[in-house]
Amino acid sequence: MQPQALGRLRFPVQRSRGRRFPERPHPYRNDFQRDRDRVVHARAFRRLEDKTQVFTPSLSDHFRNRLTHTIEVSQIARTVATVLGLEEDLTEALALAHDIGHPPFGHAGERELNLQMQRFGDRFDHNLHALRVVEIFEQRYALFPGLNLTFEVREGIVKHSGDLTPGLDPSLEEYLPALRPPLEAQLIDLADEIAYNTADLDDAHSAQLIASEELVEAVPAFAEMHDTIQSQFPGAPQRIQFLECVRRLIDILVSSLIEGTAANAVAAGVQDVEDVRRHPTRLAGLATEGEAVNASLKGFLHARVYSTDDLRAERLRSTAAIAQLFQFFLDHPGRLPATHQVKAAGDTVHRTVCDYIAGMTDGFFWRTWRAMVG
């Protein structure tokens, strides 16, 4: 596939709807590059270093955390955008921001916070919380609150995982809920899947939770490449042979995302960004071979990794502690930091408590839990 294959669908930075608070142009960085840099310099971005991806650091210093995962997503997304001729800086900004609203303890923490919020007829969603992070909680500038990101980056933050439902949430109506986001935003969720499926295999193998032989039986694509690697490098250590297979899996999936997205765009007949927005379904997708490989990997990980006793025990421990700390602050809002007590005066206590816990790193959560509850 030649670069610029979908250049007609590239979102031009000149057509950005701009920022909530107007700013002068920068002399040598465009608006999406500035958004990328603002995300990288945000405190919430740095906190991702101490937020669990899947495996806690108690077993190894080499496991992915939420920050290293984000970097891997960014690398994949930017590669795909470059080959397809899409807006690379917008893609990179969205990839770097995609997990900025994640709470401690991965998806288990997100589910527990959502359960706590449901008690009040409310909800927690890490994408919506990410929007609050960049709009409200990051305070770095004298002229405006938040990071003052462009509309397209804010829209991509709330839409990258799925479309919005018109009329469901009045606070999100400005983000064009009846339309699809640009193709750059559509790539992020699939780049995310590719990154975590392959990285979780690597980390699980490193933790000795799985063996190559199990993957050979469960994932046909892995079996084929495993035979090839053994023939090419018969004297290589098993770990190196495994990593060579993972590298090829990443290549298959990234190539499939490029090919599938290009094929979908051609089949849909879209000619520009507005056609992408008005198309009834998303156009980013894996080609058929890649979909099968991705599905088999996900099935294997859920059956053999995510459901293991050690990980299940960690999830139960962390979610129980979140529930305890949540209730503690509901009962004792005066123990919240002063800044959050001020915020609670203009918001519900349960939302303030949720925001506070969601912003914590794993380490800070446990220090706070021990001081308040434990």
Protein backbone atom coordinates (compact mmCIF):
# COMPACT_ATOMS: atom_id res chain seq x y z
CA MET A 1 0.00 0.00 0.00
CA GLN A 2 1.34 3.41 -0.97
CA PRO A 3 1.40 6.33 1.50
CA GLN A 4 -1.33 8.96 1.04
CA ALA A 5 -3.82 6.20 0.22
CA LEU A 6 -6.53 8.10 2.11
CA GLY A 7 -5.05 11.58 1.93
CA ARG A 8 -8.41 12.95 0.79
CA LEU A 9 -9.84 11.96 4.19
CA ARG A 10 -7.08 13.67 6.20
CA PHE A 11 -8.46 16.20 8.68
CA PRO A 12 -6.83 19.54 7.78
CA VAL A 13 -5.61 21.39 10.86
CA GLN A 14 -6.69 24.62 9.15
CA ARG A 15 -10.32 23.43 9.39
CA SER A 16 -10.23 22.94 13.14
CA ARG A 17 -13.20 24.40 15.00
CA GLY A 18 -10.63 25.93 17.29
CA ARG A 19 -10.30 26.23 21.04
CA ARG A 20 -12.88 27.15 23.63
CA PHE A 21 -10.73 30.19 24.50
CA PRO A 22 -9.10 31.76 21.42
CA GLU A 23 -5.31 31.93 21.36
CA ARG A 24 -2.75 33.44 19.04
CA PRO A 25 -1.15 30.97 16.60
CA HIS A 26 2.24 29.62 17.55
CA PRO A 27 5.05 30.60 15.19
CA TYR A 28 6.24 27.04 14.42
CA ARG A 29 3.76 24.53 15.90
CA ASN A 30 0.29 23.91 14.52
CA ASP A 31 -2.70 23.55 16.85
CA PHE A 32 -2.65 19.74 16.97
CA GLN A 33 1.07 19.73 17.77
CA ARG A 34 0.40 22.14 20.63
CA ASP A 35 -2.40 19.88 21.88
CA ARG A 36 -0.04 16.91 21.83
CA ASP A 37 2.55 18.83 23.82
CA ARG A 38 -0.02 20.03 26.35
CA VAL A 39 -1.12 16.46 26.99
CA VAL A 40 2.48 15.30 27.46
CA HIS A 41 3.13 18.07 30.00
CA ALA A 42 -0.08 17.42 31.95
CA ARG A 43 0.16 16.07 35.48
CA ALA A 44 -2.55 13.53 34.65
CA PHE A 45 -0.34 12.16 31.87
CA ARG A 46 2.62 11.74 34.22
CA ARG A 47 0.42 9.95 36.75
CA LEU A 48 -0.18 7.18 34.21
CA GLU A 49 3.28 5.89 35.15
CA ASP A 50 1.86 4.57 38.44
CA LYS A 51 -1.45 3.25 37.16
CA THR A 52 -1.91 -0.45 36.52
CA GLN A 53 -2.36 -1.70 32.98
CA VAL A 54 -2.97 -5.41 33.77
CA PHE A 55 -0.10 -6.70 35.88
CA THR A 56 0.94 -4.98 39.09
CA PRO A 57 4.63 -4.15 39.53
CA SER A 58 4.87 -6.44 42.56
CA LEU A 59 5.97 -9.30 40.28
CA SER A 60 8.32 -7.49 37.93
CA ASP A 61 9.67 -4.06 37.02
CA HIS A 62 9.22 -4.87 33.33
CA PHE A 63 5.44 -5.02 33.02
CA ARG A 64 3.57 -2.34 31.11
CA ASN A 65 1.94 0.40 33.10
CA ARG A 66 -0.70 2.76 31.79
CA LEU A 67 1.97 5.21 30.56
CA THR A 68 4.13 2.74 28.65
CA HIS A 69 0.94 1.28 27.16
CA THR A 70 -0.05 4.76 26.00
CA ILE A 71 3.31 5.23 24.30
CA GLU A 72 2.85 1.92 22.46
CA VAL A 73 -0.65 2.94 21.33
CA SER A 74 0.74 6.24 20.08
CA GLN A 75 3.46 4.49 18.09
CA ILE A 76 0.97 2.16 16.40
CA ALA A 77 -1.61 4.86 15.72
CA ARG A 78 0.91 7.25 14.24
CA THR A 79 2.32 4.52 11.99
CA VAL A 80 -1.14 3.74 10.63
CA ALA A 81 -1.98 7.42 10.14
CA THR A 82 1.30 8.02 8.30
CA VAL A 83 0.78 5.14 5.88
CA LEU A 84 -2.83 6.13 5.19
CA GLY A 85 -1.96 9.79 4.72
CA LEU A 86 -4.05 10.99 7.65
CA GLU A 87 -3.28 13.83 10.08
CA GLU A 88 -0.43 12.43 12.16
CA ASP A 89 -0.34 15.15 14.81
CA LEU A 90 -4.06 14.86 15.54
CA THR A 91 -3.71 11.09 15.72
CA GLU A 92 -0.77 11.33 18.09
CA ALA A 93 -2.50 13.83 20.37
CA LEU A 94 -5.55 11.56 20.61
CA ALA A 95 -3.46 8.46 21.27
CA LEU A 96 -1.51 10.16 24.04
CA ALA A 97 -4.73 11.42 25.64
CA HIS A 98 -6.80 8.27 25.24
CA ASP A 99 -6.20 6.90 28.77
CA ILE A 100 -5.62 10.16 30.62
CA GLY A 101 -8.91 9.70 32.48
CA HIS A 102 -8.25 6.16 33.68
CA PRO A 103 -8.53 5.60 37.45
CA PRO A 104 -6.14 3.43 39.46
CA PHE A 105 -6.20 -0.37 39.03
CA GLY A 106 -7.11 -0.55 35.36
CA HIS A 107 -10.55 -1.55 34.15
CA ALA A 108 -11.36 -3.10 37.52
CA GLY A 109 -11.03 0.34 39.09
CA GLU A 110 -13.20 1.87 36.39
CA ARG A 111 -15.95 -0.71 36.91
CA GLU A 112 -15.91 -0.21 40.68
CA LEU A 113 -16.15 3.56 40.43
CA ASN A 114 -19.04 3.16 38.02
CA LEU A 115 -20.78 0.82 40.49
CA GLN A 116 -20.34 3.39 43.24
CA MET A 117 -21.75 6.16 41.05
CA GLN A 118 -24.75 4.04 40.05
CA ARG A 119 -25.87 4.19 43.67
CA PHE A 120 -26.66 7.86 42.96
CA GLY A 121 -28.14 7.39 39.49
CA ASP A 122 -24.85 8.58 38.01
CA ARG A 123 -21.97 6.91 36.19
CA PHE A 124 -18.21 6.90 35.71
CA ASP A 125 -16.64 6.55 32.28
CA HIS A 126 -12.93 7.07 31.82
CA ASN A 127 -13.39 8.84 28.47
CA LEU A 128 -15.81 11.35 29.97
CA HIS A 129 -13.53 11.77 32.95
CA ALA A 130 -10.64 12.45 30.56
CA LEU A 131 -12.67 15.33 29.16
CA ARG A 132 -13.11 16.70 32.69
CA VAL A 133 -9.37 16.33 33.24
CA VAL A 134 -8.44 18.44 30.20
CA GLU A 135 -11.29 20.93 30.71
CA ILE A 136 -11.29 21.39 34.48
CA PHE A 137 -8.65 19.64 36.57
CA GLU A 138 -5.46 20.52 34.72
CA GLN A 139 -4.66 24.08 35.81
CA ARG A 140 -1.50 25.32 34.11
CA TYR A 141 -2.44 28.59 32.41
CA ALA A 142 -3.30 32.10 33.59
CA LEU A 143 -5.68 32.89 30.74
CA PHE A 144 -8.02 29.88 30.84
CA PRO A 145 -8.95 26.76 32.84
CA GLY A 146 -7.86 23.32 31.68
CA LEU A 147 -5.63 22.70 28.68
CA ASN A 148 -7.84 24.54 26.18
CA LEU A 149 -7.46 21.79 23.58
CA THR A 150 -8.92 22.04 20.10
CA PHE A 151 -12.46 20.85 19.47
CA GLU A 152 -11.23 17.88 17.42
CA VAL A 153 -9.04 16.53 20.22
CA ARG A 154 -11.79 17.00 22.80
CA GLU A 155 -14.29 15.33 20.46
CA GLY A 156 -11.89 12.45 19.87
CA ILE A 157 -11.38 11.97 23.60
CA VAL A 158 -15.10 11.32 24.16
CA LYS A 159 -15.72 9.47 20.88
CA HIS A 160 -12.65 7.33 20.22
CA SER A 161 -14.12 4.23 21.88
CA GLY A 162 -17.59 4.55 20.39
CA ASP A 163 -20.23 6.89 19.09
CA LEU A 164 -22.38 9.14 21.25
CA THR A 165 -26.17 8.92 21.45
CA PRO A 166 -27.94 12.18 20.54
CA GLY A 167 -29.97 13.57 23.42
CA LEU A 168 -28.55 11.18 26.02
CA ASP A 169 -26.20 13.64 27.73
CA PRO A 170 -26.84 17.38 27.26
CA SER A 171 -23.28 18.18 28.30
CA LEU A 172 -21.97 16.30 25.24
CA GLU A 173 -24.30 17.79 22.62
CA GLU A 174 -21.58 20.17 21.42
CA TYR A 175 -19.54 17.17 20.26
CA LEU A 176 -21.82 16.31 17.32
CA PRO A 177 -23.31 13.09 18.73
CA ALA A 178 -25.19 12.32 15.51
CA LEU A 179 -21.95 12.20 13.51
CA ARG A 180 -18.90 9.97 13.41
CA PRO A 181 -15.54 11.46 14.47
CA PRO A 182 -12.78 11.97 11.90
CA LEU A 183 -10.88 8.89 10.79
CA GLU A 184 -7.91 9.84 12.96
CA ALA A 185 -10.05 9.39 16.09
CA GLN A 186 -11.55 6.16 14.78
CA LEU A 187 -8.10 4.57 14.61
CA ILE A 188 -7.35 4.98 18.31
CA ASP A 189 -9.54 2.25 19.80
CA LEU A 190 -8.19 -0.36 17.37
CA ALA A 191 -4.59 0.75 17.91
CA ASP A 192 -5.34 0.40 21.62
CA GLU A 193 -6.58 -3.18 21.12
CA ILE A 194 -3.54 -4.15 19.08
CA ALA A 195 -1.22 -2.68 21.70
CA TYR A 196 -2.77 -4.31 24.74
CA ASN A 197 -3.52 -7.70 23.20
CA THR A 198 0.07 -8.21 22.11
CA ALA A 199 1.61 -6.54 25.17
CA ASP A 200 -0.50 -8.62 27.55
CA LEU A 201 0.78 -11.75 25.81
CA ASP A 202 4.34 -10.54 26.32
CA ASP A 203 3.80 -9.66 29.98
CA ALA A 204 1.92 -12.89 30.71
CA HIS A 205 4.71 -14.95 29.16
CA SER A 206 7.30 -12.97 31.11
CA ALA A 207 5.32 -13.71 34.30
CA GLN A 208 5.31 -17.42 33.33
CA LEU A 209 1.53 -17.48 33.29
CA ILE A 210 1.43 -18.88 29.75
CA ALA A 211 3.68 -20.96 27.51
CA SER A 212 4.19 -20.84 23.76
CA GLU A 213 2.67 -24.32 23.44
CA GLU A 214 -0.67 -23.04 24.77
CA LEU A 215 -0.76 -20.27 22.20
CA VAL A 216 0.12 -22.72 19.43
CA GLU A 217 -3.00 -24.70 20.30
CA ALA A 218 -5.32 -21.70 20.72
CA VAL A 219 -4.20 -19.20 18.07
CA PRO A 220 -3.68 -20.62 14.55
CA ALA A 221 -1.72 -17.58 13.35
CA PHE A 222 0.67 -17.94 16.25
CA ALA A 223 1.14 -21.66 15.52
CA GLU A 224 2.10 -20.91 11.93
CA MET A 225 4.63 -18.25 12.81
CA HIS A 226 5.97 -20.32 15.71
CA ASP A 227 6.88 -23.12 13.26
CA THR A 228 8.57 -20.58 11.02
CA ILE A 229 10.59 -19.04 13.87
CA GLN A 230 11.71 -22.44 15.14
CA SER A 231 12.92 -23.32 11.65
CA GLN A 232 14.71 -19.98 11.17
CA PHE A 233 16.22 -19.72 14.66
CA PRO A 234 16.41 -23.25 16.07
CA GLY A 235 19.13 -22.33 18.56
CA ALA A 236 17.46 -19.21 19.94
CA PRO A 237 16.17 -19.29 23.54
CA GLN A 238 12.44 -19.94 23.89
CA ARG A 239 11.85 -16.41 25.18
CA ILE A 240 13.47 -14.91 22.09
CA GLN A 241 11.46 -17.22 19.82
CA PHE A 242 8.29 -16.11 21.62
CA LEU A 243 9.15 -12.42 21.21
CA GLU A 244 9.83 -12.93 17.50
CA CYS A 245 6.31 -14.35 17.21
CA VAL A 246 4.79 -11.42 19.10
CA ARG A 247 6.61 -9.00 16.81
CA ARG A 248 5.06 -10.72 13.81
CA LEU A 249 1.63 -10.65 15.43
CA ILE A 250 1.91 -6.89 15.82
CA ASP A 251 2.91 -6.58 12.17
CA ILE A 252 -0.07 -8.67 11.04
CA LEU A 253 -2.52 -6.63 13.10
CA VAL A 254 -1.14 -3.20 12.20
CA SER A 255 -1.04 -4.12 8.51
CA SER A 256 -4.59 -5.41 8.82
CA LEU A 257 -5.76 -2.12 10.33
CA ILE A 258 -4.18 -0.20 7.46
CA GLU A 259 -5.65 -2.50 4.80
CA GLY A 260 -9.06 -2.85 6.41
CA THR A 261 -9.52 0.88 6.91
CA ALA A 262 -8.46 1.67 3.34
CA ALA A 263 -10.78 -1.01 1.95
CA ASN A 264 -13.72 0.22 4.05
CA ALA A 265 -13.20 3.79 2.88
CA VAL A 266 -13.10 2.72 -0.76
CA ALA A 267 -16.21 0.55 -0.39
CA ALA A 268 -18.09 3.38 1.32
CA GLY A 269 -17.21 5.82 -1.45
CA VAL A 270 -16.30 8.59 0.98
CA GLN A 271 -14.49 11.52 -0.59
CA ASP A 272 -13.75 13.88 2.28
CA VAL A 273 -13.91 14.37 6.03
CA GLU A 274 -17.56 15.37 5.95
CA ASP A 275 -18.43 12.12 4.17
CA VAL A 276 -16.62 10.23 6.95
CA ARG A 277 -18.60 12.13 9.57
CA ARG A 278 -21.95 11.46 7.89
CA HIS A 279 -21.32 7.80 7.13
CA PRO A 280 -23.71 5.63 9.18
CA THR A 281 -20.92 3.43 10.58
CA ARG A 282 -17.26 3.78 11.44
CA LEU A 283 -14.77 3.10 8.67
CA ALA A 284 -11.67 2.20 10.66
CA GLY A 285 -11.42 -1.57 10.94
CA LEU A 286 -9.27 -4.65 10.60
CA ALA A 287 -9.23 -6.75 7.45
CA THR A 288 -10.75 -10.22 7.72
CA GLU A 289 -7.50 -12.04 8.55
CA GLY A 290 -6.62 -9.52 11.23
CA GLU A 291 -10.08 -9.70 12.77
CA ALA A 292 -9.72 -13.47 13.17
CA VAL A 293 -6.26 -13.14 14.72
CA ASN A 294 -7.42 -10.39 17.06
CA ALA A 295 -10.48 -12.37 18.16
CA SER A 296 -8.42 -15.47 18.90
CA LEU A 297 -5.93 -13.44 20.93
CA LYS A 298 -8.70 -11.80 22.96
CA GLY A 299 -10.33 -15.15 23.62
CA PHE A 300 -7.05 -16.67 24.76
CA LEU A 301 -6.21 -13.76 27.06
CA HIS A 302 -9.62 -13.80 28.73
CA ALA A 303 -9.49 -17.56 29.22
CA ARG A 304 -5.86 -17.96 30.29
CA VAL A 305 -4.62 -14.64 31.65
CA TYR A 306 -7.25 -12.20 32.88
CA SER A 307 -9.12 -14.91 34.80
CA THR A 308 -6.11 -16.30 36.67
CA ASP A 309 -6.38 -16.56 40.45
CA ASP A 310 -3.57 -14.07 41.11
CA LEU A 311 -5.06 -11.34 38.92
CA ARG A 312 -8.56 -12.03 40.21
CA ALA A 313 -7.35 -11.71 43.81
CA GLU A 314 -5.63 -8.40 43.00
CA ARG A 315 -8.82 -7.08 41.39
CA LEU A 316 -10.97 -8.08 44.36
CA ARG A 317 -8.55 -6.49 46.80
CA SER A 318 -8.34 -3.19 44.90
CA THR A 319 -12.06 -2.88 44.15
CA ALA A 320 -12.98 -3.59 47.78
CA ALA A 321 -10.57 -0.86 48.86
CA ILE A 322 -12.06 1.60 46.35
CA ALA A 323 -15.53 0.93 47.76
CA GLN A 324 -14.25 1.51 51.30
CA LEU A 325 -12.44 4.75 50.48
CA PHE A 326 -15.38 6.02 48.45
CA GLN A 327 -17.71 5.48 51.40
CA PHE A 328 -15.21 7.02 53.82
CA PHE A 329 -15.14 10.30 51.91
CA LEU A 330 -18.92 10.29 51.51
CA ASP A 331 -19.17 10.01 55.29
CA HIS A 332 -16.32 12.45 55.96
CA PRO A 333 -16.20 15.03 53.13
CA GLY A 334 -14.20 17.29 55.43
CA ARG A 335 -11.26 14.88 54.99
CA LEU A 336 -11.07 15.66 51.29
CA PRO A 337 -8.27 18.01 50.24
CA ALA A 338 -9.16 21.69 50.49
CA THR A 339 -9.38 22.11 46.72
CA HIS A 340 -11.90 19.27 46.47
CA GLN A 341 -13.91 20.61 49.39
CA VAL A 342 -14.32 23.85 47.46
CA LYS A 343 -15.34 21.85 44.39
CA ALA A 344 -17.83 19.81 46.44
CA ALA A 345 -19.61 23.01 47.41
CA GLY A 346 -20.60 23.49 43.77
CA ASP A 347 -21.09 19.86 42.84
CA THR A 348 -22.47 16.68 44.35
CA VAL A 349 -20.31 15.05 47.01
CA HIS A 350 -20.37 11.68 45.21
CA ARG A 351 -19.05 13.26 41.99
CA THR A 352 -16.31 15.07 43.88
CA VAL A 353 -15.29 11.87 45.66
CA CYS A 354 -15.29 9.99 42.35
CA ASP A 355 -13.14 12.65 40.69
CA TYR A 356 -10.67 12.58 43.56
CA ILE A 357 -10.24 8.80 43.54
CA ALA A 358 -10.13 8.62 39.75
CA GLY A 359 -7.17 10.98 39.69
CA MET A 360 -5.11 8.90 42.10
CA THR A 361 -2.20 6.73 41.14
CA ASP A 362 -2.14 3.19 42.50
CA GLY A 363 0.53 4.14 45.01
CA PHE A 364 -1.20 7.29 46.23
CA PHE A 365 -4.48 5.38 46.53
CA TRP A 366 -2.95 2.82 48.88
CA ARG A 367 -1.25 5.51 50.95
CA THR A 368 -4.55 7.35 51.28
CA TRP A 369 -6.49 4.18 52.01
CA ARG A 370 -4.09 3.20 54.78
CA ALA A 371 -4.29 6.69 56.30
CA MET A 372 -8.09 6.95 56.12
CA VAL A 373 -9.42 3.40 56.28
CA GLY A 374 -6.74 0.78 56.85
